[in-house]
Amino acid sequence: MKSNAMKFFVWVLVGIGILTVLQSCEDPVYTPKPKGYFRIELPNKAYQRFDDTQCPYSFEFPVYSRVERQNTFFGEDVSDSCWLDIVIPELTGEIHLSYKDISQENTLEKLIEDAHKMAYKHTVKADYIDESLINTPNGLGGVLYELGGNAASNIQFYVTDSTQHFLRGSLYFGATPNQDSLAPVIKFVRADMLHLIETLRWN
């Protein structure tokens, strides 16, 4: 009697197992795809020289970008200061360059402090800020600021010869800041900014 009851119990378990397998085959579990972003086609790296006799500096910039002169900055006339925008239309990006002579009014310490404040102004949105020293083959020094998270500007820098010239740069995109979607573009343009810094020369 016990043997028959045991056999019946085993068959019930087997039947339940088969039904479970059949139901799982009929009703596949839906797994949502992870959030993705459009693939961005990046142009091939190539550079050209910017060398304007009206500017106190020259550098190499990407062939897929153009240089535009800034005439005003927040209402201030900067037309004779050689402030430039390197516009990258394909990536809706711009590298803003602002130049200043080191003087009694604009001391090296003041210009460095201003550049530092401009970078750290983005800490509201930035997850972190990494600073690394710049030392170029031409003997120039400075600091590269890299801001993580959804900051409006993910890369900023300043470069100087410590006696006469001071150049500050910052990267902006014409899109809502989103580090995940912009990460490959930021990495791509970062290389262009480093190339600009390494090829920078004072005129």
Protein backbone atom coordinates (compact mmCIF):
# COMPACT_ATOMS: atom_id res chain seq x y z
CA MET A 1 0.00 0.00 0.00
CA LYS A 2 2.81 2.36 0.92
CA SER A 3 4.58 1.52 -2.36
CA ASN A 4 1.51 2.52 -4.43
CA ALA A 5 1.13 5.77 -2.52
CA MET A 6 4.81 6.55 -3.06
CA LYS A 7 4.51 5.84 -6.82
CA PHE A 8 1.43 8.07 -7.05
CA PHE A 9 3.26 10.90 -5.23
CA VAL A 10 6.27 10.60 -7.58
CA TRP A 11 4.02 10.72 -10.67
CA VAL A 12 2.25 13.83 -9.33
CA LEU A 13 5.62 15.57 -8.90
CA VAL A 14 6.71 14.53 -12.41
CA GLY A 15 3.42 15.83 -13.84
CA ILE A 16 3.79 19.18 -12.09
CA GLY A 17 7.35 19.45 -13.42
CA ILE A 18 6.25 18.76 -17.01
CA LEU A 19 3.42 21.32 -16.76
CA THR A 20 5.83 23.93 -15.42
CA VAL A 21 8.25 23.34 -18.33
CA LEU A 22 5.44 23.53 -20.90
CA GLN A 23 4.09 26.75 -19.42
CA SER A 24 7.53 28.36 -19.40
CA CYS A 25 7.89 27.50 -23.11
CA GLU A 26 4.51 29.02 -23.96
CA ASP A 27 4.92 32.22 -21.89
CA PRO A 28 8.44 33.60 -22.39
CA VAL A 29 9.51 36.07 -19.75
CA TYR A 30 9.96 39.60 -21.23
CA THR A 31 13.31 41.16 -20.40
CA PRO A 32 13.55 44.87 -21.30
CA LYS A 33 16.65 45.93 -23.21
CA PRO A 34 19.06 48.21 -21.38
CA LYS A 35 18.92 51.89 -22.27
CA GLY A 36 21.09 52.63 -25.30
CA TYR A 37 22.26 55.65 -27.30
CA PHE A 38 22.65 56.35 -31.00
CA ARG A 39 26.01 55.38 -32.46
CA ILE A 40 28.04 58.49 -33.22
CA GLU A 41 30.21 58.44 -36.34
CA LEU A 42 33.50 60.10 -35.44
CA PRO A 43 35.61 61.73 -38.18
CA ASN A 44 39.17 60.67 -39.02
CA LYS A 45 41.90 62.47 -37.10
CA ALA A 46 43.80 65.10 -39.09
CA TYR A 47 45.06 68.57 -38.18
CA GLN A 48 45.85 71.95 -39.72
CA ARG A 49 47.73 74.98 -38.42
CA PHE A 50 46.08 78.13 -37.13
CA ASP A 51 48.55 80.97 -37.47
CA ASP A 52 47.00 84.43 -37.55
CA THR A 53 49.46 87.34 -37.39
CA GLN A 54 46.90 89.28 -35.33
CA CYS A 55 47.01 86.63 -32.60
CA PRO A 56 49.88 86.15 -30.12
CA TYR A 57 49.69 82.38 -30.43
CA SER A 58 49.37 79.55 -32.97
CA PHE A 59 48.36 75.90 -32.72
CA GLU A 60 47.09 72.89 -34.66
CA PHE A 61 43.36 72.17 -34.74
CA PRO A 62 41.18 69.47 -36.41
CA VAL A 63 40.39 69.69 -40.14
CA TYR A 64 36.76 68.85 -39.30
CA SER A 65 36.43 72.09 -37.32
CA ARG A 66 36.66 75.82 -38.00
CA VAL A 67 38.06 78.74 -36.00
CA GLU A 68 35.78 81.70 -35.27
CA ARG A 69 36.86 84.95 -33.66
CA GLN A 70 34.93 86.16 -30.58
CA ASN A 71 34.11 89.86 -30.55
CA THR A 72 32.16 90.08 -27.31
CA PHE A 73 32.05 88.08 -24.09
CA PHE A 74 29.02 88.74 -21.88
CA GLY A 75 28.79 92.23 -23.37
CA GLU A 76 32.51 92.94 -22.97
CA ASP A 77 34.45 93.89 -26.12
CA VAL A 78 37.17 91.26 -26.66
CA SER A 79 37.69 91.84 -30.40
CA ASP A 80 41.37 92.75 -29.97
CA SER A 81 42.12 90.00 -27.41
CA CYS A 82 42.19 87.09 -29.88
CA TRP A 83 39.54 85.03 -28.09
CA LEU A 84 38.57 82.13 -30.35
CA ASP A 85 35.97 79.38 -30.71
CA ILE A 86 36.99 76.12 -32.36
CA VAL A 87 33.64 74.92 -33.69
CA ILE A 88 33.15 71.19 -34.46
CA PRO A 89 29.80 71.12 -36.33
CA GLU A 90 29.52 67.31 -36.71
CA LEU A 91 29.72 66.88 -32.94
CA THR A 92 27.93 70.12 -31.96
CA GLY A 93 30.99 70.94 -29.86
CA GLU A 94 33.00 74.09 -29.25
CA ILE A 95 36.36 74.68 -27.63
CA HIS A 96 36.42 78.24 -26.24
CA LEU A 97 39.87 79.83 -26.06
CA SER A 98 40.48 83.02 -24.07
CA TYR A 99 43.89 84.70 -24.10
CA LYS A 100 45.35 87.27 -21.71
CA ASP A 101 48.71 88.96 -21.35
CA ILE A 102 50.29 88.57 -17.92
CA SER A 103 50.59 92.06 -16.46
CA GLN A 104 50.49 94.02 -13.21
CA GLU A 105 46.69 94.08 -13.50
CA ASN A 106 46.40 90.44 -14.61
CA THR A 107 49.09 88.74 -12.56
CA LEU A 108 49.88 85.07 -13.08
CA GLU A 109 48.44 84.26 -9.65
CA LYS A 110 45.16 86.06 -10.46
CA LEU A 111 44.78 84.36 -13.85
CA ILE A 112 45.44 80.92 -12.35
CA GLU A 113 42.93 81.59 -9.57
CA ASP A 114 40.31 82.75 -12.10
CA ALA A 115 40.84 79.60 -14.22
CA HIS A 116 40.55 77.44 -11.09
CA LYS A 117 37.30 79.17 -10.06
CA MET A 118 35.84 78.76 -13.57
CA ALA A 119 36.53 75.01 -13.49
CA TYR A 120 35.16 74.50 -9.98
CA LYS A 121 32.05 76.55 -10.76
CA HIS A 122 30.75 73.32 -12.34
CA THR A 123 30.93 71.27 -9.13
CA VAL A 124 27.15 71.64 -8.76
CA LYS A 125 26.68 69.09 -11.58
CA ALA A 126 30.10 67.41 -11.64
CA ASP A 127 30.59 64.11 -9.79
CA TYR A 128 34.32 64.78 -9.48
CA ILE A 129 37.13 66.97 -10.83
CA ASP A 130 40.53 65.55 -11.71
CA GLU A 131 43.48 67.92 -12.10
CA SER A 132 46.63 66.93 -13.96
CA LEU A 133 49.72 69.00 -14.66
CA ILE A 134 50.55 70.01 -18.23
CA ASN A 135 54.14 70.12 -19.46
CA THR A 136 54.44 70.60 -23.22
CA PRO A 137 57.39 69.85 -25.53
CA ASN A 138 57.67 73.64 -26.01
CA GLY A 139 58.31 74.20 -22.31
CA LEU A 140 54.83 75.46 -21.38
CA GLY A 141 53.04 74.50 -18.20
CA GLY A 142 49.49 74.46 -16.93
CA VAL A 143 46.65 72.34 -15.57
CA LEU A 144 44.07 70.10 -17.25
CA TYR A 145 40.70 69.86 -15.45
CA GLU A 146 38.50 66.85 -16.23
CA LEU A 147 34.99 66.97 -14.79
CA GLY A 148 32.95 63.79 -14.37
CA GLY A 149 29.17 63.62 -14.46
CA ASN A 150 26.70 65.87 -16.25
CA ALA A 151 28.69 69.08 -16.03
CA ALA A 152 28.17 71.73 -18.73
CA SER A 153 31.91 71.62 -19.49
CA ASN A 154 33.74 68.30 -19.06
CA ILE A 155 37.25 69.49 -19.94
CA GLN A 156 39.01 72.77 -19.18
CA PHE A 157 42.66 73.81 -19.13
CA TYR A 158 45.07 76.67 -18.91
CA VAL A 159 48.55 76.94 -20.40
CA THR A 160 51.19 79.61 -19.71
CA ASP A 161 54.85 80.48 -20.04
CA SER A 162 54.58 82.09 -16.55
CA THR A 163 55.94 85.45 -17.72
CA GLN A 164 53.94 86.89 -20.65
CA HIS A 165 51.19 84.63 -22.02
CA PHE A 166 48.15 82.89 -20.54
CA LEU A 167 45.63 80.82 -22.52
CA ARG A 168 42.53 79.18 -21.09
CA GLY A 169 40.34 76.62 -22.88
CA SER A 170 37.00 74.95 -22.16
CA LEU A 171 34.88 72.39 -24.00
CA TYR A 172 31.10 72.76 -24.44
CA PHE A 173 28.47 70.85 -26.40
CA GLY A 174 25.22 72.15 -27.85
CA ALA A 175 23.27 69.34 -26.17
CA THR A 176 21.87 68.53 -22.75
CA PRO A 177 24.82 67.35 -20.62
CA ASN A 178 24.74 63.55 -20.35
CA GLN A 179 28.04 61.87 -19.60
CA ASP A 180 26.87 58.41 -20.72
CA SER A 181 25.81 59.49 -24.21
CA LEU A 182 28.63 62.03 -24.69
CA ALA A 183 31.45 59.86 -23.28
CA PRO A 184 32.89 58.71 -26.66
CA VAL A 185 32.69 62.26 -28.05
CA ILE A 186 34.34 63.78 -24.98
CA LYS A 187 37.16 61.23 -25.25
CA PHE A 188 37.53 62.02 -28.97
CA VAL A 189 37.67 65.82 -28.51
CA ARG A 190 39.94 65.46 -25.45
CA ALA A 191 42.63 64.10 -27.80
CA ASP A 192 42.16 67.18 -30.03
CA MET A 193 42.52 69.50 -27.04
CA LEU A 194 45.72 67.76 -25.94
CA HIS A 195 47.06 68.06 -29.50
CA LEU A 196 46.23 71.79 -29.47
CA ILE A 197 48.10 72.20 -26.18
CA GLU A 198 51.15 70.25 -27.34
CA THR A 199 51.40 72.24 -30.60
CA LEU A 200 50.77 75.64 -28.98
CA ARG A 201 53.39 78.31 -29.70
CA TRP A 202 53.55 81.98 -28.77
CA ASN A 203 54.06 84.43 -31.64
